[in-house]
Amino acid sequence: MWTTDIEMIDNWIEETKQPYETLFSEKDDGIYILPKKWQERIGI
């Protein structure tokens, strides 16, 4: 079974109880690791 990069990062975040979440941007072609609730901090 194959796991995507985002799934592997999300699994690591969950298993180690990190205060982060992942975001994938097609426009910028990248995976970003951001603090949880980052939308609230910037008013989205």
PDB file of N, CA and C in Angstrom:
ATOM      1  N   MET A   1       0.841  -1.182   0.000  1.00  0.00           N
ATOM      2  CA  MET A   1       0.000   0.000   0.000  1.00  0.00           C
ATOM      3  C   MET A   1       0.883   1.241   0.000  1.00  0.00           C
ATOM      4  N   TRP A   2       0.590   2.161  -0.884  1.00  0.00           N
ATOM      5  CA  TRP A   2       1.364   3.394  -0.991  1.00  0.00           C
ATOM      6  C   TRP A   2       0.742   4.492  -0.140  1.00  0.00           C
ATOM      7  N   THR A   3       1.601   5.311   0.441  1.00  0.00           N
ATOM      8  CA  THR A   3       1.150   6.439   1.240  1.00  0.00           C
ATOM      9  C   THR A   3       1.712   7.716   0.636  1.00  0.00           C
ATOM     10  N   THR A   4       0.867   8.732   0.488  1.00  0.00           N
ATOM     11  CA  THR A   4       1.336   9.997  -0.072  1.00  0.00           C
ATOM     12  C   THR A   4       2.190  10.737   0.958  1.00  0.00           C
ATOM     13  N   ASP A   5       2.916  11.733   0.490  1.00  0.00           N
ATOM     14  CA  ASP A   5       3.742  12.533   1.389  1.00  0.00           C
ATOM     15  C   ASP A   5       2.903  13.201   2.472  1.00  0.00           C
ATOM     16  N   ILE A   6       1.768  13.757   2.067  1.00  0.00           N
ATOM     17  CA  ILE A   6       0.906  14.430   3.042  1.00  0.00           C
ATOM     18  C   ILE A   6       0.386  13.442   4.069  1.00  0.00           C
ATOM     19  N   GLU A   7       0.001  12.248   3.643  1.00  0.00           N
ATOM     20  CA  GLU A   7      -0.481  11.231   4.585  1.00  0.00           C
ATOM     21  C   GLU A   7       0.616  10.843   5.573  1.00  0.00           C
ATOM     22  N   MET A   8       1.840  10.719   5.104  1.00  0.00           N
ATOM     23  CA  MET A   8       2.948  10.380   6.007  1.00  0.00           C
ATOM     24  C   MET A   8       3.186  11.500   7.015  1.00  0.00           C
ATOM     25  N   ILE A   9       3.151  12.730   6.554  1.00  0.00           N
ATOM     26  CA  ILE A   9       3.346  13.869   7.461  1.00  0.00           C
ATOM     27  C   ILE A   9       2.203  13.940   8.459  1.00  0.00           C
ATOM     28  N   ASP A  10       0.954  13.784   7.975  1.00  0.00           N
ATOM     29  CA  ASP A  10      -0.206  13.808   8.875  1.00  0.00           C
ATOM     30  C   ASP A  10      -0.123  12.694   9.915  1.00  0.00           C
ATOM     31  N   ASN A  11       0.313  11.513   9.506  1.00  0.00           N
ATOM     32  CA  ASN A  11       0.471  10.406  10.455  1.00  0.00           C
ATOM     33  C   ASN A  11       1.504  10.751  11.516  1.00  0.00           C
ATOM     34  N   TRP A  12       2.621  11.336  11.108  1.00  0.00           N
ATOM     35  CA  TRP A  12       3.658  11.735  12.052  1.00  0.00           C
ATOM     36  C   TRP A  12       3.126  12.775  13.025  1.00  0.00           C
ATOM     37  N   ILE A  13       2.394  13.761  12.513  1.00  0.00           N
ATOM     38  CA  ILE A  13       1.816  14.803  13.366  1.00  0.00           C
ATOM     39  C   ILE A  13       0.891  14.177  14.400  1.00  0.00           C
ATOM     40  N   GLU A  14       0.045  13.258  13.949  1.00  0.00           N
ATOM     41  CA  GLU A  14      -0.916  12.611  14.839  1.00  0.00           C
ATOM     42  C   GLU A  14      -0.223  11.724  15.873  1.00  0.00           C
ATOM     43  N   GLU A  15       0.725  10.903  15.416  1.00  0.00           N
ATOM     44  CA  GLU A  15       1.404   9.960  16.312  1.00  0.00           C
ATOM     45  C   GLU A  15       2.246  10.658  17.374  1.00  0.00           C
ATOM     46  N   THR A  16       2.857  11.775  17.016  1.00  0.00           N
ATOM     47  CA  THR A  16       3.736  12.471  17.961  1.00  0.00           C
ATOM     48  C   THR A  16       3.064  13.668  18.625  1.00  0.00           C
ATOM     49  N   LYS A  17       1.751  13.827  18.335  1.00  0.00           N
ATOM     50  CA  LYS A  17       0.951  14.899  18.950  1.00  0.00           C
ATOM     51  C   LYS A  17       1.574  16.283  18.743  1.00  0.00           C
ATOM     52  N   GLN A  18       1.986  16.538  17.517  1.00  0.00           N
ATOM     53  CA  GLN A  18       2.568  17.832  17.171  1.00  0.00           C
ATOM     54  C   GLN A  18       1.467  18.887  17.013  1.00  0.00           C
ATOM     55  N   PRO A  19       1.750  20.145  17.298  1.00  0.00           N
ATOM     56  CA  PRO A  19       0.736  21.197  17.176  1.00  0.00           C
ATOM     57  C   PRO A  19       0.677  21.786  15.760  1.00  0.00           C
ATOM     58  N   TYR A  20       0.711  20.922  14.758  1.00  0.00           N
ATOM     59  CA  TYR A  20       0.753  21.371  13.376  1.00  0.00           C
ATOM     60  C   TYR A  20      -0.330  20.715  12.547  1.00  0.00           C
ATOM     61  N   GLU A  21      -0.539  21.262  11.340  1.00  0.00           N
ATOM     62  CA  GLU A  21      -1.371  20.633  10.336  1.00  0.00           C
ATOM     63  C   GLU A  21      -0.715  20.882   8.978  1.00  0.00           C
ATOM     64  N   THR A  22      -1.082  20.087   7.990  1.00  0.00           N
ATOM     65  CA  THR A  22      -0.473  20.221   6.674  1.00  0.00           C
ATOM     66  C   THR A  22      -1.414  20.938   5.718  1.00  0.00           C
ATOM     67  N   LEU A  23      -0.817  21.603   4.756  1.00  0.00           N
ATOM     68  CA  LEU A  23      -1.551  22.285   3.712  1.00  0.00           C
ATOM     69  C   LEU A  23      -0.806  22.044   2.411  1.00  0.00           C
ATOM     70  N   PHE A  24      -1.542  21.627   1.376  1.00  0.00           N
ATOM     71  CA  PHE A  24      -0.930  21.441   0.066  1.00  0.00           C
ATOM     72  C   PHE A  24      -1.412  22.549  -0.845  1.00  0.00           C
ATOM     73  N   SER A  25      -0.493  23.188  -1.532  1.00  0.00           N
ATOM     74  CA  SER A  25      -0.838  24.253  -2.465  1.00  0.00           C
ATOM     75  C   SER A  25      -0.442  23.832  -3.871  1.00  0.00           C
ATOM     76  N   GLU A  26      -1.450  23.665  -4.729  1.00  0.00           N
ATOM     77  CA  GLU A  26      -1.155  23.359  -6.131  1.00  0.00           C
ATOM     78  C   GLU A  26      -0.514  24.558  -6.812  1.00  0.00           C
ATOM     79  N   LYS A  27      -0.988  25.750  -6.461  1.00  0.00           N
ATOM     80  CA  LYS A  27      -0.462  26.984  -7.057  1.00  0.00           C
ATOM     81  C   LYS A  27       1.045  27.117  -6.801  1.00  0.00           C
ATOM     82  N   ASP A  28       1.444  26.897  -5.561  1.00  0.00           N
ATOM     83  CA  ASP A  28       2.854  27.027  -5.188  1.00  0.00           C
ATOM     84  C   ASP A  28       3.590  25.704  -5.253  1.00  0.00           C
ATOM     85  N   ASP A  29       2.866  24.635  -5.603  1.00  0.00           N
ATOM     86  CA  ASP A  29       3.436  23.299  -5.760  1.00  0.00           C
ATOM     87  C   ASP A  29       4.255  22.878  -4.544  1.00  0.00           C
ATOM     88  N   GLY A  30       3.590  22.884  -3.385  1.00  0.00           N
ATOM     89  CA  GLY A  30       4.324  22.491  -2.197  1.00  0.00           C
ATOM     90  C   GLY A  30       3.432  22.064  -1.058  1.00  0.00           C
ATOM     91  N   ILE A  31       4.032  21.410  -0.093  1.00  0.00           N
ATOM     92  CA  ILE A  31       3.385  21.003   1.146  1.00  0.00           C
ATOM     93  C   ILE A  31       3.920  21.909   2.241  1.00  0.00           C
ATOM     94  N   TYR A  32       3.003  22.454   3.015  1.00  0.00           N
ATOM     95  CA  TYR A  32       3.401  23.355   4.084  1.00  0.00           C
ATOM     96  C   TYR A  32       2.926  22.798   5.411  1.00  0.00           C
ATOM     97  N   ILE A  33       3.762  22.933   6.441  1.00  0.00           N
ATOM     98  CA  ILE A  33       3.416  22.523   7.796  1.00  0.00           C
ATOM     99  C   ILE A  33       3.193  23.805   8.583  1.00  0.00           C
ATOM    100  N   LEU A  34       1.949  23.984   9.036  1.00  0.00           N
ATOM    101  CA  LEU A  34       1.547  25.216   9.705  1.00  0.00           C
ATOM    102  C   LEU A  34       1.051  24.917  11.111  1.00  0.00           C
ATOM    103  N   PRO A  35       1.126  25.914  12.000  1.00  0.00           N
ATOM    104  CA  PRO A  35       0.570  25.719  13.336  1.00  0.00           C
ATOM    105  C   PRO A  35      -0.938  25.481  13.237  1.00  0.00           C
ATOM    106  N   LYS A  36      -1.470  24.653  14.130  1.00  0.00           N
ATOM    107  CA  LYS A  36      -2.919  24.439  14.155  1.00  0.00           C
ATOM    108  C   LYS A  36      -3.621  25.774  14.359  1.00  0.00           C
ATOM    109  N   LYS A  37      -4.818  25.872  13.790  1.00  0.00           N
ATOM    110  CA  LYS A  37      -5.647  27.079  13.863  1.00  0.00           C
ATOM    111  C   LYS A  37      -4.966  28.287  13.221  1.00  0.00           C
ATOM    112  N   TRP A  38      -4.105  28.055  12.230  1.00  0.00           N
ATOM    113  CA  TRP A  38      -3.409  29.163  11.575  1.00  0.00           C
ATOM    114  C   TRP A  38      -4.378  30.100  10.876  1.00  0.00           C
ATOM    115  N   GLN A  39      -5.536  29.587  10.416  1.00  0.00           N
ATOM    116  CA  GLN A  39      -6.520  30.446   9.747  1.00  0.00           C
ATOM    117  C   GLN A  39      -7.041  31.529  10.702  1.00  0.00           C
ATOM    118  N   GLU A  40      -7.276  31.150  11.951  1.00  0.00           N
ATOM    119  CA  GLU A  40      -7.782  32.103  12.938  1.00  0.00           C
ATOM    120  C   GLU A  40      -6.766  33.219  13.186  1.00  0.00           C
ATOM    121  N   ARG A  41      -5.492  32.874  13.139  1.00  0.00           N
ATOM    122  CA  ARG A  41      -4.458  33.856  13.414  1.00  0.00           C
ATOM    123  C   ARG A  41      -4.355  34.930  12.334  1.00  0.00           C
ATOM    124  N   ILE A  42      -4.706  34.534  11.091  1.00  0.00           N
ATOM    125  CA  ILE A  42      -4.606  35.520  10.010  1.00  0.00           C
ATOM    126  C   ILE A  42      -5.974  36.036   9.572  1.00  0.00           C
ATOM    127  N   GLY A  43      -7.032  35.584  10.260  1.00  0.00           N
ATOM    128  CA  GLY A  43      -8.359  36.097  10.009  1.00  0.00           C
ATOM    129  C   GLY A  43      -9.107  35.480   8.843  1.00  0.00           C
ATOM    130  N   ILE A  44      -8.850  34.213   8.554  1.00  0.00           N
ATOM    131  CA  ILE A  44      -9.581  33.539   7.468  1.00  0.00           C
ATOM    132  C   ILE A  44     -10.777  32.827   8.063  1.00  0.00           C
TER     133      ILE A  44
END
